Amino acid sequence: MSETDWFPAMIDMIANVGFPIFISLVLLHRMENKLDAVVKALNDLTAVTEARHR
C-alpha cells in the first residue's frame, strides 16, 4: 500500500473506530519502526565487537 493510499484509509479508520484508537495505532507503528532501528544498531554493534575480538 503506497503512502497516498493510506490517507483515505486513515480517514475511514477515524470515522469508524474513533480518534484515540487511531492515534494508538499510529504510535504503535512508529514504535515498531524505531524498534527495528534499535535491533539493526545492536546487530551492527555485535558485528563490530566480534570483528575486534578476532
PDB file of N, CA and C in Angstrom:
ATOM      1  N   MET A   1       0.863  -1.178   0.000  1.00  0.00           N
ATOM      2  CA  MET A   1       0.000   0.000   0.000  1.00  0.00           C
ATOM      3  C   MET A   1       0.903   1.233   0.000  1.00  0.00           C
ATOM      4  N   SER A   2       0.717   2.112  -0.950  1.00  0.00           N
ATOM      5  CA  SER A   2       1.555   3.303  -1.041  1.00  0.00           C
ATOM      6  C   SER A   2       1.088   4.355  -0.040  1.00  0.00           C
ATOM      7  N   GLU A   3       1.923   5.379   0.117  1.00  0.00           N
ATOM      8  CA  GLU A   3       1.607   6.451   1.066  1.00  0.00           C
ATOM      9  C   GLU A   3       0.303   7.164   0.692  1.00  0.00           C
ATOM     10  N   THR A   4       0.035   7.336  -0.589  1.00  0.00           N
ATOM     11  CA  THR A   4      -1.181   8.044  -0.994  1.00  0.00           C
ATOM     12  C   THR A   4      -2.433   7.214  -0.741  1.00  0.00           C
ATOM     13  N   ASP A   5      -2.278   5.899  -0.669  1.00  0.00           N
ATOM     14  CA  ASP A   5      -3.426   5.035  -0.385  1.00  0.00           C
ATOM     15  C   ASP A   5      -3.786   5.032   1.101  1.00  0.00           C
ATOM     16  N   TRP A   6      -2.859   5.465   1.947  1.00  0.00           N
ATOM     17  CA  TRP A   6      -3.099   5.451   3.382  1.00  0.00           C
ATOM     18  C   TRP A   6      -4.071   6.527   3.828  1.00  0.00           C
ATOM     19  N   PHE A   7      -4.069   7.675   3.171  1.00  0.00           N
ATOM     20  CA  PHE A   7      -4.889   8.786   3.639  1.00  0.00           C
ATOM     21  C   PHE A   7      -6.377   8.455   3.688  1.00  0.00           C
ATOM     22  N   PRO A   8      -6.989   7.942   2.605  1.00  0.00           N
ATOM     23  CA  PRO A   8      -8.415   7.581   2.716  1.00  0.00           C
ATOM     24  C   PRO A   8      -8.671   6.497   3.764  1.00  0.00           C
ATOM     25  N   ALA A   9      -7.737   5.573   3.883  1.00  0.00           N
ATOM     26  CA  ALA A   9      -7.892   4.523   4.890  1.00  0.00           C
ATOM     27  C   ALA A   9      -7.844   5.108   6.294  1.00  0.00           C
ATOM     28  N   MET A  10      -6.980   6.102   6.509  1.00  0.00           N
ATOM     29  CA  MET A  10      -6.898   6.748   7.826  1.00  0.00           C
ATOM     30  C   MET A  10      -8.188   7.497   8.141  1.00  0.00           C
ATOM     31  N   ILE A  11      -8.738   8.191   7.165  1.00  0.00           N
ATOM     32  CA  ILE A  11      -9.987   8.924   7.382  1.00  0.00           C
ATOM     33  C   ILE A  11     -11.113   7.956   7.729  1.00  0.00           C
ATOM     34  N   ASP A  12     -11.187   6.843   7.007  1.00  0.00           N
ATOM     35  CA  ASP A  12     -12.204   5.834   7.315  1.00  0.00           C
ATOM     36  C   ASP A  12     -12.002   5.264   8.717  1.00  0.00           C
ATOM     37  N   MET A  13     -10.753   5.041   9.087  1.00  0.00           N
ATOM     38  CA  MET A  13     -10.476   4.484  10.404  1.00  0.00           C
ATOM     39  C   MET A  13     -10.893   5.454  11.510  1.00  0.00           C
ATOM     40  N   ILE A  14     -10.612   6.730  11.327  1.00  0.00           N
ATOM     41  CA  ILE A  14     -11.017   7.727  12.320  1.00  0.00           C
ATOM     42  C   ILE A  14     -12.538   7.743  12.456  1.00  0.00           C
ATOM     43  N   ALA A  15     -13.233   7.675  11.333  1.00  0.00           N
ATOM     44  CA  ALA A  15     -14.700   7.710  11.355  1.00  0.00           C
ATOM     45  C   ALA A  15     -15.284   6.463  12.008  1.00  0.00           C
ATOM     46  N   ASN A  16     -14.625   5.320  11.812  1.00  0.00           N
ATOM     47  CA  ASN A  16     -15.201   4.069  12.295  1.00  0.00           C
ATOM     48  C   ASN A  16     -14.812   3.704  13.723  1.00  0.00           C
ATOM     49  N   VAL A  17     -13.570   3.879  14.092  1.00  0.00           N
ATOM     50  CA  VAL A  17     -13.137   3.394  15.407  1.00  0.00           C
ATOM     51  C   VAL A  17     -12.810   4.498  16.386  1.00  0.00           C
ATOM     52  N   GLY A  18     -12.752   5.689  15.938  1.00  0.00           N
ATOM     53  CA  GLY A  18     -12.510   6.798  16.843  1.00  0.00           C
ATOM     54  C   GLY A  18     -11.071   7.252  16.883  1.00  0.00           C
ATOM     55  N   PHE A  19     -10.927   8.492  17.286  1.00  0.00           N
ATOM     56  CA  PHE A  19      -9.625   9.138  17.295  1.00  0.00           C
ATOM     57  C   PHE A  19      -8.619   8.482  18.244  1.00  0.00           C
ATOM     58  N   PRO A  20      -8.968   8.147  19.484  1.00  0.00           N
ATOM     59  CA  PRO A  20      -7.964   7.554  20.392  1.00  0.00           C
ATOM     60  C   PRO A  20      -7.390   6.231  19.873  1.00  0.00           C
ATOM     61  N   ILE A  21      -8.223   5.402  19.305  1.00  0.00           N
ATOM     62  CA  ILE A  21      -7.743   4.130  18.776  1.00  0.00           C
ATOM     63  C   ILE A  21      -6.836   4.378  17.582  1.00  0.00           C
ATOM     64  N   PHE A  22      -7.187   5.308  16.740  1.00  0.00           N
ATOM     65  CA  PHE A  22      -6.358   5.637  15.584  1.00  0.00           C
ATOM     66  C   PHE A  22      -4.986   6.134  16.029  1.00  0.00           C
ATOM     67  N   ILE A  23      -4.948   7.037  16.989  1.00  0.00           N
ATOM     68  CA  ILE A  23      -3.678   7.563  17.482  1.00  0.00           C
ATOM     69  C   ILE A  23      -2.839   6.441  18.089  1.00  0.00           C
ATOM     70  N   SER A  24      -3.465   5.543  18.813  1.00  0.00           N
ATOM     71  CA  SER A  24      -2.739   4.409  19.388  1.00  0.00           C
ATOM     72  C   SER A  24      -2.093   3.563  18.302  1.00  0.00           C
ATOM     73  N   LEU A  25      -2.811   3.315  17.228  1.00  0.00           N
ATOM     74  CA  LEU A  25      -2.264   2.525  16.130  1.00  0.00           C
ATOM     75  C   LEU A  25      -1.106   3.239  15.439  1.00  0.00           C
ATOM     76  N   VAL A  26      -1.234   4.534  15.257  1.00  0.00           N
ATOM     77  CA  VAL A  26      -0.153   5.306  14.632  1.00  0.00           C
ATOM     78  C   VAL A  26       1.095   5.252  15.507  1.00  0.00           C
ATOM     79  N   LEU A  27       0.925   5.432  16.810  1.00  0.00           N
ATOM     80  CA  LEU A  27       2.074   5.402  17.713  1.00  0.00           C
ATOM     81  C   LEU A  27       2.709   4.015  17.771  1.00  0.00           C
ATOM     82  N   LEU A  28       1.905   2.972  17.730  1.00  0.00           N
ATOM     83  CA  LEU A  28       2.451   1.613  17.708  1.00  0.00           C
ATOM     84  C   LEU A  28       3.266   1.376  16.444  1.00  0.00           C
ATOM     85  N   HIS A  29       2.779   1.883  15.327  1.00  0.00           N
ATOM     86  CA  HIS A  29       3.501   1.738  14.058  1.00  0.00           C
ATOM     87  C   HIS A  29       4.837   2.470  14.113  1.00  0.00           C
ATOM     88  N   ARG A  30       4.833   3.676  14.667  1.00  0.00           N
ATOM     89  CA  ARG A  30       6.077   4.441  14.788  1.00  0.00           C
ATOM     90  C   ARG A  30       7.055   3.744  15.721  1.00  0.00           C
ATOM     91  N   MET A  31       6.539   3.180  16.823  1.00  0.00           N
ATOM     92  CA  MET A  31       7.406   2.492  17.769  1.00  0.00           C
ATOM     93  C   MET A  31       8.021   1.253  17.118  1.00  0.00           C
ATOM     94  N   GLU A  32       7.255   0.567  16.287  1.00  0.00           N
ATOM     95  CA  GLU A  32       7.779  -0.614  15.599  1.00  0.00           C
ATOM     96  C   GLU A  32       8.961  -0.225  14.711  1.00  0.00           C
ATOM     97  N   ASN A  33       8.845   0.884  13.994  1.00  0.00           N
ATOM     98  CA  ASN A  33       9.933   1.340  13.134  1.00  0.00           C
ATOM     99  C   ASN A  33      11.175   1.678  13.962  1.00  0.00           C
ATOM    100  N   LYS A  34      10.967   2.310  15.107  1.00  0.00           N
ATOM    101  CA  LYS A  34      12.105   2.661  15.961  1.00  0.00           C
ATOM    102  C   LYS A  34      12.743   1.414  16.564  1.00  0.00           C
ATOM    103  N   LEU A  35      11.943   0.422  16.923  1.00  0.00           N
ATOM    104  CA  LEU A  35      12.499  -0.819  17.450  1.00  0.00           C
ATOM    105  C   LEU A  35      13.301  -1.553  16.383  1.00  0.00           C
ATOM    106  N   ASP A  36      12.851  -1.504  15.140  1.00  0.00           N
ATOM    107  CA  ASP A  36      13.617  -2.105  14.047  1.00  0.00           C
ATOM    108  C   ASP A  36      14.983  -1.434  13.926  1.00  0.00           C
ATOM    109  N   ALA A  37      15.030  -0.123  14.098  1.00  0.00           N
ATOM    110  CA  ALA A  37      16.300   0.599  14.037  1.00  0.00           C
ATOM    111  C   ALA A  37      17.203   0.205  15.200  1.00  0.00           C
ATOM    112  N   VAL A  38      16.638  -0.002  16.380  1.00  0.00           N
ATOM    113  CA  VAL A  38      17.429  -0.421  17.542  1.00  0.00           C
ATOM    114  C   VAL A  38      17.995  -1.817  17.312  1.00  0.00           C
ATOM    115  N   VAL A  39      17.194  -2.716  16.786  1.00  0.00           N
ATOM    116  CA  VAL A  39      17.658  -4.071  16.502  1.00  0.00           C
ATOM    117  C   VAL A  39      18.802  -4.034  15.496  1.00  0.00           C
ATOM    118  N   LYS A  40      18.673  -3.220  14.456  1.00  0.00           N
ATOM    119  CA  LYS A  40      19.737  -3.099  13.455  1.00  0.00           C
ATOM    120  C   LYS A  40      21.008  -2.558  14.087  1.00  0.00           C
ATOM    121  N   ALA A  41      20.878  -1.548  14.948  1.00  0.00           N
ATOM    122  CA  ALA A  41      22.044  -0.978  15.612  1.00  0.00           C
ATOM    123  C   ALA A  41      22.729  -2.013  16.507  1.00  0.00           C
ATOM    124  N   LEU A  42      21.948  -2.803  17.218  1.00  0.00           N
ATOM    125  CA  LEU A  42      22.522  -3.847  18.070  1.00  0.00           C
ATOM    126  C   LEU A  42      23.230  -4.912  17.240  1.00  0.00           C
ATOM    127  N   ASN A  43      22.646  -5.272  16.110  1.00  0.00           N
ATOM    128  CA  ASN A  43      23.296  -6.246  15.231  1.00  0.00           C
ATOM    129  C   ASN A  43      24.607  -5.697  14.679  1.00  0.00           C
ATOM    130  N   ASP A  44      24.616  -4.415  14.309  1.00  0.00           N
ATOM    131  CA  ASP A  44      25.843  -3.784  13.818  1.00  0.00           C
ATOM    132  C   ASP A  44      26.900  -3.740  14.924  1.00  0.00           C
ATOM    133  N   LEU A  45      26.477  -3.402  16.131  1.00  0.00           N
ATOM    134  CA  LEU A  45      27.405  -3.352  17.258  1.00  0.00           C
ATOM    135  C   LEU A  45      27.988  -4.733  17.546  1.00  0.00           C
ATOM    136  N   THR A  46      27.173  -5.748  17.478  1.00  0.00           N
ATOM    137  CA  THR A  46      27.643  -7.116  17.688  1.00  0.00           C
ATOM    138  C   THR A  46      28.677  -7.481  16.644  1.00  0.00           C
ATOM    139  N   ALA A  47      28.416  -7.139  15.396  1.00  0.00           N
ATOM    140  CA  ALA A  47      29.363  -7.438  14.321  1.00  0.00           C
ATOM    141  C   ALA A  47      30.681  -6.711  14.539  1.00  0.00           C
ATOM    142  N   VAL A  48      30.645  -5.472  14.980  1.00  0.00           N
ATOM    143  CA  VAL A  48      31.870  -4.699  15.215  1.00  0.00           C
ATOM    144  C   VAL A  48      32.657  -5.304  16.376  1.00  0.00           C
ATOM    145  N   THR A  49      31.971  -5.633  17.451  1.00  0.00           N
ATOM    146  CA  THR A  49      32.692  -6.194  18.611  1.00  0.00           C
ATOM    147  C   THR A  49      33.253  -7.573  18.307  1.00  0.00           C
ATOM    148  N   GLU A  50      32.561  -8.364  17.505  1.00  0.00           N
ATOM    149  CA  GLU A  50      33.094  -9.686  17.123  1.00  0.00           C
ATOM    150  C   GLU A  50      34.318  -9.519  16.239  1.00  0.00           C
ATOM    151  N   ALA A  51      34.324  -8.529  15.361  1.00  0.00           N
ATOM    152  CA  ALA A  51      35.458  -8.301  14.478  1.00  0.00           C
ATOM    153  C   ALA A  51      36.676  -7.840  15.277  1.00  0.00           C
ATOM    154  N   ARG A  52      36.457  -7.102  16.342  1.00  0.00           N
ATOM    155  CA  ARG A  52      37.589  -6.641  17.177  1.00  0.00           C
ATOM    156  C   ARG A  52      38.236  -7.773  17.951  1.00  0.00           C
ATOM    157  N   HIS A  53      37.461  -8.771  18.321  1.00  0.00           N
ATOM    158  CA  HIS A  53      37.962  -9.864  19.138  1.00  0.00           C
ATOM    159  C   HIS A  53      38.626 -10.953  18.309  1.00  0.00           C
ATOM    160  N   ARG A  54      38.663 -10.822  17.024  1.00  0.00           N
ATOM    161  CA  ARG A  54      39.299 -11.839  16.166  1.00  0.00           C
ATOM    162  C   ARG A  54      40.722 -11.531  15.922  1.00  0.00           C
TER     163      ARG A  54
END
